[in-house]
C-alpha atoms as a PDB file:
ATOM      1  CA  MET A   1      -9.286  15.726 -27.650  1.00  0.00           C
ATOM      2  CA  ALA A   2     -10.522  19.248 -27.065  1.00  0.00           C
ATOM      3  CA  TRP A   3     -11.499  20.407 -23.363  1.00  0.00           C
ATOM      4  CA  GLU A   4     -14.731  20.766 -23.974  1.00  0.00           C
ATOM      5  CA  LYS A   5     -15.677  17.314 -24.608  1.00  0.00           C
ATOM      6  CA  LEU A   6     -12.525  16.018 -22.519  1.00  0.00           C
ATOM      7  CA  LEU A   7     -13.892  18.235 -19.008  1.00  0.00           C
ATOM      8  CA  PRO A   8     -17.654  16.714 -18.833  1.00  0.00           C
ATOM      9  CA  MET A   9     -15.628  12.996 -19.552  1.00  0.00           C
ATOM     10  CA  LEU A  10     -13.354  13.075 -17.027  1.00  0.00           C
ATOM     11  CA  TRP A  11     -16.497  14.211 -14.591  1.00  0.00           C
ATOM     12  CA  GLU A  12     -18.033  11.696 -15.640  1.00  0.00           C
ATOM     13  CA  ALA A  13     -15.191   8.760 -15.155  1.00  0.00           C
ATOM     14  CA  THR A  14     -14.569  10.853 -12.147  1.00  0.00           C
ATOM     15  CA  ARG A  15     -18.456  10.544 -10.591  1.00  0.00           C
ATOM     16  CA  GLU A  16     -18.036   6.064 -11.498  1.00  0.00           C
ATOM     17  CA  THR A  17     -14.417   5.878  -9.599  1.00  0.00           C
ATOM     18  CA  LEU A  18     -15.764   7.982  -6.459  1.00  0.00           C
ATOM     19  CA  TYR A  19     -19.380   5.858  -6.587  1.00  0.00           C
ATOM     20  CA  MET A  20     -17.031   1.953  -6.623  1.00  0.00           C
ATOM     21  CA  THR A  21     -14.723   3.298  -4.582  1.00  0.00           C
ATOM     22  CA  LEU A  22     -16.812   4.663  -1.675  1.00  0.00           C
ATOM     23  CA  TRP A  23     -19.695   2.091  -2.175  1.00  0.00           C
ATOM     24  CA  SER A  24     -16.992  -1.001  -1.927  1.00  0.00           C
ATOM     25  CA  SER A  25     -15.033   0.565   0.535  1.00  0.00           C
ATOM     26  CA  LEU A  26     -17.947   0.829   2.969  1.00  0.00           C
ATOM     27  CA  ALA A  27     -19.162  -2.604   2.511  1.00  0.00           C
ATOM     28  CA  ALA A  28     -15.890  -4.108   2.937  1.00  0.00           C
ATOM     29  CA  TYR A  29     -15.966  -2.364   6.002  1.00  0.00           C
ATOM     30  CA  LEU A  30     -18.607  -2.924   7.079  1.00  0.00           C
ATOM     31  CA  VAL A  31     -17.557  -6.971   7.019  1.00  0.00           C
ATOM     32  CA  GLY A  32     -13.630  -6.668   7.904  1.00  0.00           C
ATOM     33  CA  LEU A  33     -13.872  -4.380  11.247  1.00  0.00           C
ATOM     34  CA  PRO A  34     -15.369  -7.182  12.701  1.00  0.00           C
ATOM     35  CA  LEU A  35     -13.299  -9.479  11.308  1.00  0.00           C
ATOM     36  CA  GLY A  36     -10.152  -7.903  12.339  1.00  0.00           C
ATOM     37  CA  VAL A  37     -11.097  -7.378  16.181  1.00  0.00           C
ATOM     38  CA  LEU A  38     -12.019 -11.493  16.116  1.00  0.00           C
ATOM     39  CA  LEU A  39      -8.475 -11.914  14.734  1.00  0.00           C
ATOM     40  CA  VAL A  40      -7.018 -10.307  17.831  1.00  0.00           C
ATOM     41  CA  VAL A  41      -9.438 -11.032  20.710  1.00  0.00           C
ATOM     42  CA  THR A  42      -9.947 -15.115  19.946  1.00  0.00           C
ATOM     43  CA  ARG A  43      -5.662 -15.647  19.798  1.00  0.00           C
ATOM     44  CA  LYS A  44      -4.410 -18.061  21.921  1.00  0.00           C
ATOM     45  CA  ASP A  45      -3.651 -14.849  24.620  1.00  0.00           C
ATOM     46  CA  GLY A  46      -6.762 -12.803  23.407  1.00  0.00           C
ATOM     47  CA  ILE A  47      -9.348 -11.138  25.793  1.00  0.00           C
ATOM     48  CA  MET A  48     -11.560 -14.033  23.990  1.00  0.00           C
ATOM     49  CA  PRO A  49      -9.185 -16.836  23.689  1.00  0.00           C
ATOM     50  CA  ALA A  50     -10.353 -19.427  20.843  1.00  0.00           C
ATOM     51  CA  PRO A  51      -7.098 -20.192  19.073  1.00  0.00           C
ATOM     52  CA  THR A  52      -9.369 -22.755  16.730  1.00  0.00           C
ATOM     53  CA  PHE A  53     -11.749 -20.628  15.182  1.00  0.00           C
ATOM     54  CA  ASN A  54      -8.719 -18.178  15.160  1.00  0.00           C
ATOM     55  CA  ALA A  55      -6.781 -20.565  13.178  1.00  0.00           C
ATOM     56  CA  VAL A  56      -9.856 -20.875  10.782  1.00  0.00           C
ATOM     57  CA  LEU A  57     -10.765 -17.212  10.206  1.00  0.00           C
ATOM     58  CA  GLY A  58      -6.861 -16.673   9.514  1.00  0.00           C
ATOM     59  CA  VAL A  59      -6.518 -19.189   6.627  1.00  0.00           C
ATOM     60  CA  ILE A  60      -9.868 -17.694   5.335  1.00  0.00           C
ATOM     61  CA  ILE A  61      -8.632 -14.887   5.009  1.00  0.00           C
ATOM     62  CA  ASN A  62      -5.295 -14.650   3.518  1.00  0.00           C
ATOM     63  CA  PHE A  63      -6.673 -17.582   1.148  1.00  0.00           C
ATOM     64  CA  LEU A  64      -8.933 -14.157  -0.093  1.00  0.00           C
ATOM     65  CA  ARG A  65      -6.025 -11.951  -0.002  1.00  0.00           C
ATOM     66  CA  SER A  66      -4.046 -14.276  -2.251  1.00  0.00           C
ATOM     67  CA  ILE A  67      -6.360 -14.226  -5.071  1.00  0.00           C
ATOM     68  CA  PRO A  68      -5.200 -11.635  -7.706  1.00  0.00           C
ATOM     69  CA  PHE A  69      -8.212  -9.006  -7.980  1.00  0.00           C
ATOM     70  CA  ILE A  70      -8.801  -9.570 -11.835  1.00  0.00           C
ATOM     71  CA  ILE A  71      -8.705 -13.302 -11.121  1.00  0.00           C
ATOM     72  CA  MET A  72     -11.119 -12.614  -8.492  1.00  0.00           C
ATOM     73  CA  LEU A  73     -13.391 -10.698 -10.972  1.00  0.00           C
ATOM     74  CA  ALA A  74     -13.660 -13.464 -13.701  1.00  0.00           C
ATOM     75  CA  LEU A  75     -14.616 -16.344 -10.473  1.00  0.00           C
ATOM     76  CA  LEU A  76     -17.447 -14.275  -9.051  1.00  0.00           C
ATOM     77  CA  PHE A  77     -19.241 -13.532 -12.126  1.00  0.00           C
ATOM     78  CA  PRO A  78     -21.591 -16.078 -11.606  1.00  0.00           C
ATOM     79  CA  VAL A  79     -22.177 -14.846  -7.753  1.00  0.00           C
ATOM     80  CA  THR A  80     -22.085 -11.478  -9.749  1.00  0.00           C
ATOM     81  CA  ARG A  81     -24.526 -11.812 -11.795  1.00  0.00           C
ATOM     82  CA  ALA A  82     -26.919 -13.547  -8.920  1.00  0.00           C
ATOM     83  CA  ILE A  83     -26.478 -10.642  -6.373  1.00  0.00           C
ATOM     84  CA  MET A  84     -26.533  -7.597  -8.923  1.00  0.00           C
ATOM     85  CA  GLY A  85     -28.851  -8.945 -11.348  1.00  0.00           C
ATOM     86  CA  LYS A  86     -25.594  -8.881 -14.597  1.00  0.00           C
ATOM     87  CA  ALA A  87     -22.213  -9.280 -14.076  1.00  0.00           C
ATOM     88  CA  ILE A  88     -20.744  -6.631 -15.698  1.00  0.00           C
ATOM     89  CA  GLY A  89     -20.823  -2.682 -15.432  1.00  0.00           C
ATOM     90  CA  THR A  90     -19.935   0.344 -12.925  1.00  0.00           C
ATOM     91  CA  GLU A  91     -22.685  -0.936 -10.330  1.00  0.00           C
ATOM     92  CA  SER A  92     -22.184  -4.789 -10.762  1.00  0.00           C
ATOM     93  CA  ILE A  93     -18.638  -4.089 -10.434  1.00  0.00           C
ATOM     94  CA  ILE A  94     -18.847  -3.006  -6.491  1.00  0.00           C
ATOM     95  CA  PHE A  95     -19.036  -6.559  -5.278  1.00  0.00           C
ATOM     96  CA  PRO A  96     -16.273  -7.720  -6.877  1.00  0.00           C
ATOM     97  CA  LEU A  97     -14.226  -4.850  -5.081  1.00  0.00           C
ATOM     98  CA  PHE A  98     -16.116  -5.616  -1.706  1.00  0.00           C
ATOM     99  CA  VAL A  99     -14.479  -9.364  -1.688  1.00  0.00           C
ATOM    100  CA  SER A 100     -11.617  -8.395  -2.844  1.00  0.00           C
ATOM    101  CA  ALA A 101     -11.032  -5.844  -0.168  1.00  0.00           C
ATOM    102  CA  PHE A 102     -12.639  -6.723   3.086  1.00  0.00           C
ATOM    103  CA  PRO A 103     -10.039  -9.838   3.822  1.00  0.00           C
ATOM    104  CA  TYR A 104      -7.080  -6.767   3.093  1.00  0.00           C
ATOM    105  CA  ILE A 105      -9.399  -4.401   5.316  1.00  0.00           C
ATOM    106  CA  ALA A 106      -9.473  -7.652   7.926  1.00  0.00           C
ATOM    107  CA  ARG A 107      -5.739  -7.044   8.560  1.00  0.00           C
ATOM    108  CA  MET A 108      -5.138  -3.916   8.375  1.00  0.00           C
ATOM    109  CA  VAL A 109      -7.598  -3.747  11.605  1.00  0.00           C
ATOM    110  CA  GLU A 110      -5.603  -6.611  13.255  1.00  0.00           C
ATOM    111  CA  THR A 111      -2.401  -4.369  12.957  1.00  0.00           C
ATOM    112  CA  SER A 112      -4.030  -1.642  14.305  1.00  0.00           C
ATOM    113  CA  LEU A 113      -4.881  -3.135  17.048  1.00  0.00           C
ATOM    114  CA  ASP A 114      -2.333  -4.917  18.005  1.00  0.00           C
ATOM    115  CA  GLU A 115      -0.701  -1.453  18.065  1.00  0.00           C
ATOM    116  CA  VAL A 116      -2.654  -0.723  21.167  1.00  0.00           C
ATOM    117  CA  ASP A 117      -0.810  -0.613  25.298  1.00  0.00           C
ATOM    118  CA  HIS A 118      -1.608  -4.335  26.419  1.00  0.00           C
ATOM    119  CA  GLY A 119      -0.966  -2.510  29.672  1.00  0.00           C
ATOM    120  CA  ILE A 120      -4.386  -0.343  28.670  1.00  0.00           C
ATOM    121  CA  ILE A 121      -6.126  -3.583  28.167  1.00  0.00           C
ATOM    122  CA  GLU A 122      -4.876  -5.348  31.772  1.00  0.00           C
ATOM    123  CA  ALA A 123      -6.413  -2.374  33.322  1.00  0.00           C
ATOM    124  CA  ALA A 124      -9.587  -2.629  32.042  1.00  0.00           C
ATOM    125  CA  GLN A 125      -9.379  -5.845  32.879  1.00  0.00           C
ATOM    126  CA  SER A 126      -8.931  -5.277  36.404  1.00  0.00           C
ATOM    127  CA  MET A 127     -11.630  -2.672  37.173  1.00  0.00           C
ATOM    128  CA  GLY A 128     -14.145  -5.292  35.795  1.00  0.00           C
ATOM    129  CA  SER A 129     -14.618  -4.290  32.508  1.00  0.00           C
ATOM    130  CA  THR A 130     -16.818  -6.826  30.155  1.00  0.00           C
ATOM    131  CA  ASN A 131     -14.840  -7.972  26.880  1.00  0.00           C
ATOM    132  CA  TRP A 132     -17.332  -6.212  25.034  1.00  0.00           C
ATOM    133  CA  GLN A 133     -16.804  -2.808  27.006  1.00  0.00           C
ATOM    134  CA  ILE A 134     -12.859  -3.811  26.362  1.00  0.00           C
ATOM    135  CA  ILE A 135     -13.683  -4.023  22.583  1.00  0.00           C
ATOM    136  CA  TYR A 136     -15.774  -0.964  22.529  1.00  0.00           C
ATOM    137  CA  LYS A 137     -14.401   1.381  25.385  1.00  0.00           C
ATOM    138  CA  VAL A 138     -10.994   0.607  24.334  1.00  0.00           C
ATOM    139  CA  LEU A 139      -9.073  -1.371  21.995  1.00  0.00           C
ATOM    140  CA  LEU A 140     -11.335   0.480  18.954  1.00  0.00           C
ATOM    141  CA  PRO A 141     -10.629   4.084  20.962  1.00  0.00           C
ATOM    142  CA  GLU A 142      -7.521   3.670  21.365  1.00  0.00           C
ATOM    143  CA  ALA A 143      -6.451   2.434  17.972  1.00  0.00           C
ATOM    144  CA  VAL A 144      -8.603   5.365  15.816  1.00  0.00           C
ATOM    145  CA  PRO A 145      -5.307   7.240  14.318  1.00  0.00           C
ATOM    146  CA  SER A 146      -3.787   3.926  13.120  1.00  0.00           C
ATOM    147  CA  LEU A 147      -7.332   3.177  11.721  1.00  0.00           C
ATOM    148  CA  ILE A 148      -7.760   5.862   9.997  1.00  0.00           C
ATOM    149  CA  SER A 149      -4.540   5.422   8.509  1.00  0.00           C
ATOM    150  CA  GLY A 150      -5.325   1.829   7.284  1.00  0.00           C
ATOM    151  CA  ALA A 151      -8.483   3.232   6.087  1.00  0.00           C
ATOM    152  CA  ALA A 152      -6.647   6.113   3.909  1.00  0.00           C
ATOM    153  CA  ILE A 153      -4.470   2.904   2.449  1.00  0.00           C
ATOM    154  CA  SER A 154      -7.236   0.815   1.646  1.00  0.00           C
ATOM    155  CA  ILE A 155      -9.552   3.439  -0.048  1.00  0.00           C
ATOM    156  CA  THR A 156      -6.612   4.395  -2.099  1.00  0.00           C
ATOM    157  CA  THR A 157      -5.950   0.027  -2.603  1.00  0.00           C
ATOM    158  CA  ILE A 158      -9.396  -0.384  -4.078  1.00  0.00           C
ATOM    159  CA  LEU A 159      -9.059   3.289  -5.890  1.00  0.00           C
ATOM    160  CA  GLY A 160      -6.323   1.008  -8.254  1.00  0.00           C
ATOM    161  CA  TYR A 161      -8.659  -1.752  -7.955  1.00  0.00           C
ATOM    162  CA  THR A 162     -11.349   0.568 -10.259  1.00  0.00           C
ATOM    163  CA  ALA A 163      -8.809   0.968 -12.460  1.00  0.00           C
ATOM    164  CA  MET A 164      -9.311  -3.262 -13.957  1.00  0.00           C
ATOM    165  CA  ALA A 165     -12.753  -2.494 -13.992  1.00  0.00           C
ATOM    166  CA  SER A 166     -12.680  -2.354 -17.088  1.00  0.00           C
ATOM    167  CA  ALA A 167     -12.376  -6.263 -17.372  1.00  0.00           C
ATOM    168  CA  ALA A 168     -15.566  -6.273 -16.802  1.00  0.00           C
ATOM    169  CA  GLY A 169     -17.067  -3.604 -18.449  1.00  0.00           C
ATOM    170  CA  GLY A 170     -17.132  -1.498 -15.536  1.00  0.00           C
ATOM    171  CA  GLY A 171     -16.365   3.040 -15.862  1.00  0.00           C
ATOM    172  CA  GLY A 172     -14.207   5.276 -14.245  1.00  0.00           C
ATOM    173  CA  LEU A 173     -10.715   6.884 -14.635  1.00  0.00           C
ATOM    174  CA  GLY A 174      -9.168   3.546 -15.553  1.00  0.00           C
ATOM    175  CA  SER A 175     -11.830   2.345 -17.916  1.00  0.00           C
ATOM    176  CA  MET A 176     -11.908   5.915 -19.651  1.00  0.00           C
ATOM    177  CA  ALA A 177      -7.385   5.517 -19.393  1.00  0.00           C
ATOM    178  CA  ILE A 178      -7.857   2.489 -21.260  1.00  0.00           C
ATOM    179  CA  VAL A 179     -10.564   1.917 -23.182  1.00  0.00           C
ATOM    180  CA  LYS A 180     -10.805   5.489 -24.207  1.00  0.00           C
ATOM    181  CA  GLY A 181      -7.419   6.650 -24.478  1.00  0.00           C
ATOM    182  CA  LEU A 182      -4.866   3.703 -24.697  1.00  0.00           C
ATOM    183  CA  ASN A 183      -6.757   1.578 -27.062  1.00  0.00           C
ATOM    184  CA  ILE A 184      -7.474   4.041 -29.139  1.00  0.00           C
ATOM    185  CA  ARG A 185      -4.006   5.529 -29.407  1.00  0.00           C
ATOM    186  CA  LYS A 186      -5.853   8.962 -27.581  1.00  0.00           C
ATOM    187  CA  MET A 187      -2.775   9.928 -25.557  1.00  0.00           C
ATOM    188  CA  ASP A 188      -4.796  12.962 -23.934  1.00  0.00           C
ATOM    189  CA  VAL A 189      -7.212  11.437 -22.544  1.00  0.00           C
ATOM    190  CA  MET A 190      -5.343   8.734 -20.979  1.00  0.00           C
ATOM    191  CA  TYR A 191      -2.751  11.181 -19.471  1.00  0.00           C
ATOM    192  CA  SER A 192      -5.551  13.234 -18.448  1.00  0.00           C
ATOM    193  CA  ALA A 193      -7.347   9.988 -16.809  1.00  0.00           C
ATOM    194  CA  SER A 194      -4.018   8.798 -15.332  1.00  0.00           C
ATOM    195  CA  ILE A 195      -3.176  11.879 -13.679  1.00  0.00           C
ATOM    196  CA  LEU A 196      -6.838  12.890 -12.131  1.00  0.00           C
ATOM    197  CA  LEU A 197      -6.072   8.992 -10.444  1.00  0.00           C
ATOM    198  CA  VAL A 198      -3.098  10.490  -9.260  1.00  0.00           C
ATOM    199  CA  VAL A 199      -4.523  13.270  -7.800  1.00  0.00           C
ATOM    200  CA  LEU A 200      -7.448  11.370  -6.193  1.00  0.00           C
ATOM    201  CA  VAL A 201      -4.891   9.199  -4.445  1.00  0.00           C
ATOM    202  CA  GLN A 202      -3.031  12.268  -3.489  1.00  0.00           C
ATOM    203  CA  ILE A 203      -6.204  14.100  -1.968  1.00  0.00           C
ATOM    204  CA  ILE A 204      -7.109  10.325   0.100  1.00  0.00           C
ATOM    205  CA  THR A 205      -3.780  10.256   1.153  1.00  0.00           C
ATOM    206  CA  VAL A 206      -2.797  13.428   2.669  1.00  0.00           C
ATOM    207  CA  PHE A 207      -6.371  13.807   4.251  1.00  0.00           C
ATOM    208  CA  GLY A 208      -5.863  10.418   5.793  1.00  0.00           C
ATOM    209  CA  GLY A 209      -2.085  11.298   7.448  1.00  0.00           C
ATOM    210  CA  ARG A 210      -3.395  14.883   8.831  1.00  0.00           C
ATOM    211  CA  ALA A 211      -6.547  12.837  10.585  1.00  0.00           C
ATOM    212  CA  THR A 212      -3.993  10.163  11.766  1.00  0.00           C
ATOM    213  CA  ARG A 213      -1.879  13.481  12.893  1.00  0.00           C
ATOM    214  CA  ARG A 214      -4.618  15.705  15.283  1.00  0.00           C
ATOM    215  CA  LEU A 215      -6.804  12.616  16.232  1.00  0.00           C
ATOM    216  CA  ASP A 216      -3.315  11.092  17.848  1.00  0.00           C
ATOM    217  CA  HIS A 217      -2.800  11.787  21.475  1.00  0.00           C
ATOM    218  CA  LYS A 218       0.297  10.014  22.001  1.00  0.00           C
ATOM    219  CA  LYS A 219       2.254  12.794  19.665  1.00  0.00           C
ATOM    220  CA  ARG A 220       0.593  15.458  21.251  1.00  0.00           C
END
């Protein structure tokens, strides 16, 4: 395919991929971040112990995480149609992306908060800090470098999910590579879209790594 035709297709597919990835990532973090915090603080030895709640929440998150995205996509068709107005299309794919991503993000946040030195938390408690002050002024700020590193991993994972969007009529680079490339044997289209996907992943990974190193005061 001539470059004058391929470039506009790649630009539009890239725009659709970023649109799906960024909006679903934002929504997933709005839910996944507080859930990750709850998983940490409600443990038996947490600052707000609630073992039963913690166990139930953990089971629900693990259950949702265990469902492959392509299956989740199909299971959510009726719900997606009710919420988004239709079950297929680039905009509609944001909802199943969000549902698949937020449990993963919750566990990533939990792992990041686990890295915070418990001595700092104990020091804050001894100074009379409330539980909410510990969360917002100790736990989250101390975990920022790890949270950013986890965010880069999470966003690249969601970016990979968008490649399966063609199963629900979604657009993006994954759909372009499969539908407009592989299925009709236009290998230049498939390779161009695939390489661009790899480039996007590398950009996010490098940016996340640099931001993590810059903010990690422990390594200074």
